[in-house]
Amino acid sequence: MRAFRLEARAYCRYADWTANGGHARFYGHIDTSGNDVMMKARAMIAREIADGLWD
C-alpha cells in the first residue's frame, strides 16, 4: 500500500509512513498526488451514495 503527499506528486510505502510519519522517504510519482487520490475517493463515495449503497 502507498501513502501519497497531499500537495506533491510523491509517495512512500504505507508501512514506512506508519513507522516514521513525516520523516518517511518519499519518491516522485509522475501523475498522482495525494490531492488526486482524495478527489477520486470523494467521487467514488458520491457515486455509491447516489446508487443507494450507503445508509
N, C-alpha and C. Protein backbone atom coordinates (compact mmCIF):
# COMPACT_ATOMS: atom_id res chain seq x y z
N MET A 1 0.85 -1.16 0.00
CA MET A 1 0.00 0.00 0.00
C MET A 1 0.90 1.23 0.00
N ARG A 2 0.39 2.32 -0.55
CA ARG A 2 1.16 3.55 -0.65
C ARG A 2 0.48 4.69 0.10
N ALA A 3 1.28 5.62 0.56
CA ALA A 3 0.80 6.88 1.14
C ALA A 3 1.31 8.00 0.24
N PHE A 4 0.41 8.91 -0.14
CA PHE A 4 0.78 10.00 -1.05
C PHE A 4 0.85 11.32 -0.30
N ARG A 5 1.76 12.17 -0.72
CA ARG A 5 1.79 13.54 -0.20
C ARG A 5 0.61 14.28 -0.81
N LEU A 6 -0.07 15.09 -0.01
CA LEU A 6 -1.25 15.79 -0.50
C LEU A 6 -0.90 16.81 -1.57
N GLU A 7 0.14 17.59 -1.36
CA GLU A 7 0.44 18.71 -2.25
C GLU A 7 1.49 18.41 -3.30
N ALA A 8 2.08 17.22 -3.30
CA ALA A 8 3.15 16.91 -4.24
C ALA A 8 2.90 15.56 -4.91
N ARG A 9 3.50 15.37 -6.05
CA ARG A 9 3.40 14.08 -6.74
C ARG A 9 4.50 13.17 -6.22
N ALA A 10 4.24 12.63 -5.03
CA ALA A 10 5.22 11.76 -4.37
C ALA A 10 4.48 10.75 -3.49
N TYR A 11 5.12 9.61 -3.27
CA TYR A 11 4.51 8.56 -2.44
C TYR A 11 5.58 7.86 -1.62
N CYS A 12 5.15 7.13 -0.61
CA CYS A 12 6.04 6.26 0.15
C CYS A 12 5.26 4.99 0.48
N ARG A 13 5.94 4.00 0.99
CA ARG A 13 5.25 2.79 1.44
C ARG A 13 4.48 3.12 2.71
N TYR A 14 3.28 2.60 2.83
CA TYR A 14 2.45 2.88 4.00
C TYR A 14 3.13 2.42 5.28
N ALA A 15 3.80 1.28 5.24
CA ALA A 15 4.50 0.77 6.43
C ALA A 15 5.58 1.76 6.88
N ASP A 16 6.28 2.36 5.92
CA ASP A 16 7.30 3.36 6.25
C ASP A 16 6.64 4.59 6.86
N TRP A 17 5.49 4.98 6.32
CA TRP A 17 4.76 6.14 6.84
C TRP A 17 4.32 5.91 8.28
N THR A 18 3.76 4.72 8.56
CA THR A 18 3.28 4.44 9.91
C THR A 18 4.44 4.37 10.90
N ALA A 19 5.59 3.92 10.44
CA ALA A 19 6.75 3.82 11.32
C ALA A 19 7.46 5.16 11.53
N ASN A 20 7.50 6.00 10.47
CA ASN A 20 8.32 7.21 10.53
C ASN A 20 7.56 8.52 10.33
N GLY A 21 6.28 8.46 10.04
CA GLY A 21 5.49 9.68 9.85
C GLY A 21 6.06 10.58 8.78
N GLY A 22 6.19 11.85 9.11
CA GLY A 22 6.68 12.84 8.16
C GLY A 22 8.13 12.65 7.75
N HIS A 23 8.83 11.78 8.44
CA HIS A 23 10.23 11.52 8.10
C HIS A 23 10.40 10.33 7.15
N ALA A 24 9.28 9.78 6.70
CA ALA A 24 9.33 8.66 5.76
C ALA A 24 9.95 9.12 4.45
N ARG A 25 10.59 8.20 3.75
CA ARG A 25 11.21 8.55 2.47
C ARG A 25 10.16 8.51 1.37
N PHE A 26 9.97 9.63 0.70
CA PHE A 26 9.01 9.74 -0.39
C PHE A 26 9.73 9.69 -1.73
N TYR A 27 9.06 9.12 -2.70
CA TYR A 27 9.60 9.00 -4.05
C TYR A 27 8.70 9.76 -5.00
N GLY A 28 9.27 10.36 -6.02
CA GLY A 28 8.48 11.08 -7.00
C GLY A 28 7.55 10.15 -7.76
N HIS A 29 6.38 10.66 -8.12
CA HIS A 29 5.41 9.91 -8.90
C HIS A 29 4.97 10.79 -10.06
N ILE A 30 4.96 10.26 -11.25
CA ILE A 30 4.73 11.06 -12.45
C ILE A 30 3.38 11.74 -12.46
N ASP A 31 2.31 11.01 -12.11
CA ASP A 31 0.99 11.59 -12.35
C ASP A 31 0.01 11.55 -11.20
N THR A 32 0.43 11.24 -9.98
CA THR A 32 -0.53 11.17 -8.88
C THR A 32 0.00 11.89 -7.65
N SER A 33 -0.86 12.73 -7.09
CA SER A 33 -0.57 13.37 -5.81
C SER A 33 -1.66 12.94 -4.83
N GLY A 34 -1.48 13.24 -3.58
CA GLY A 34 -2.49 12.92 -2.59
C GLY A 34 -3.82 13.59 -2.89
N ASN A 35 -3.76 14.80 -3.43
CA ASN A 35 -4.99 15.51 -3.79
C ASN A 35 -5.75 14.75 -4.88
N ASP A 36 -5.03 14.20 -5.87
CA ASP A 36 -5.68 13.40 -6.91
C ASP A 36 -6.37 12.18 -6.31
N VAL A 37 -5.69 11.52 -5.38
CA VAL A 37 -6.25 10.33 -4.73
C VAL A 37 -7.51 10.70 -3.96
N MET A 38 -7.48 11.82 -3.22
CA MET A 38 -8.64 12.25 -2.45
C MET A 38 -9.82 12.61 -3.34
N MET A 39 -9.56 13.27 -4.46
CA MET A 39 -10.64 13.63 -5.38
C MET A 39 -11.29 12.38 -5.97
N LYS A 40 -10.49 11.37 -6.31
CA LYS A 40 -11.05 10.12 -6.84
C LYS A 40 -11.88 9.41 -5.78
N ALA A 41 -11.40 9.42 -4.53
CA ALA A 41 -12.14 8.76 -3.45
C ALA A 41 -13.46 9.47 -3.19
N ARG A 42 -13.46 10.80 -3.20
CA ARG A 42 -14.70 11.55 -2.99
C ARG A 42 -15.71 11.26 -4.10
N ALA A 43 -15.23 11.21 -5.33
CA ALA A 43 -16.13 10.92 -6.46
C ALA A 43 -16.71 9.51 -6.34
N MET A 44 -15.90 8.54 -5.93
CA MET A 44 -16.36 7.17 -5.76
C MET A 44 -17.44 7.10 -4.68
N ILE A 45 -17.21 7.76 -3.55
CA ILE A 45 -18.18 7.74 -2.46
C ILE A 45 -19.48 8.42 -2.88
N ALA A 46 -19.37 9.55 -3.59
CA ALA A 46 -20.56 10.25 -4.07
C ALA A 46 -21.38 9.35 -4.99
N ARG A 47 -20.70 8.61 -5.89
CA ARG A 47 -21.42 7.68 -6.78
C ARG A 47 -22.12 6.60 -5.98
N GLU A 48 -21.43 6.05 -4.98
CA GLU A 48 -22.03 4.98 -4.17
C GLU A 48 -23.22 5.49 -3.37
N ILE A 49 -23.14 6.72 -2.87
CA ILE A 49 -24.28 7.31 -2.14
C ILE A 49 -25.45 7.48 -3.11
N ALA A 50 -25.17 8.00 -4.31
CA ALA A 50 -26.23 8.20 -5.30
C ALA A 50 -26.87 6.88 -5.71
N ASP A 51 -26.09 5.80 -5.72
CA ASP A 51 -26.61 4.48 -6.08
C ASP A 51 -27.32 3.81 -4.90
N GLY A 52 -27.36 4.45 -3.74
CA GLY A 52 -28.06 3.91 -2.58
C GLY A 52 -27.28 2.84 -1.83
N LEU A 53 -25.98 2.82 -1.99
CA LEU A 53 -25.17 1.81 -1.30
C LEU A 53 -24.79 2.20 0.11
N TRP A 54 -25.02 3.45 0.48
CA TRP A 54 -24.73 3.95 1.83
C TRP A 54 -26.04 4.34 2.49
N ASP A 55 -26.14 4.11 3.78
CA ASP A 55 -27.34 4.49 4.52
C ASP A 55 -27.24 5.93 4.97
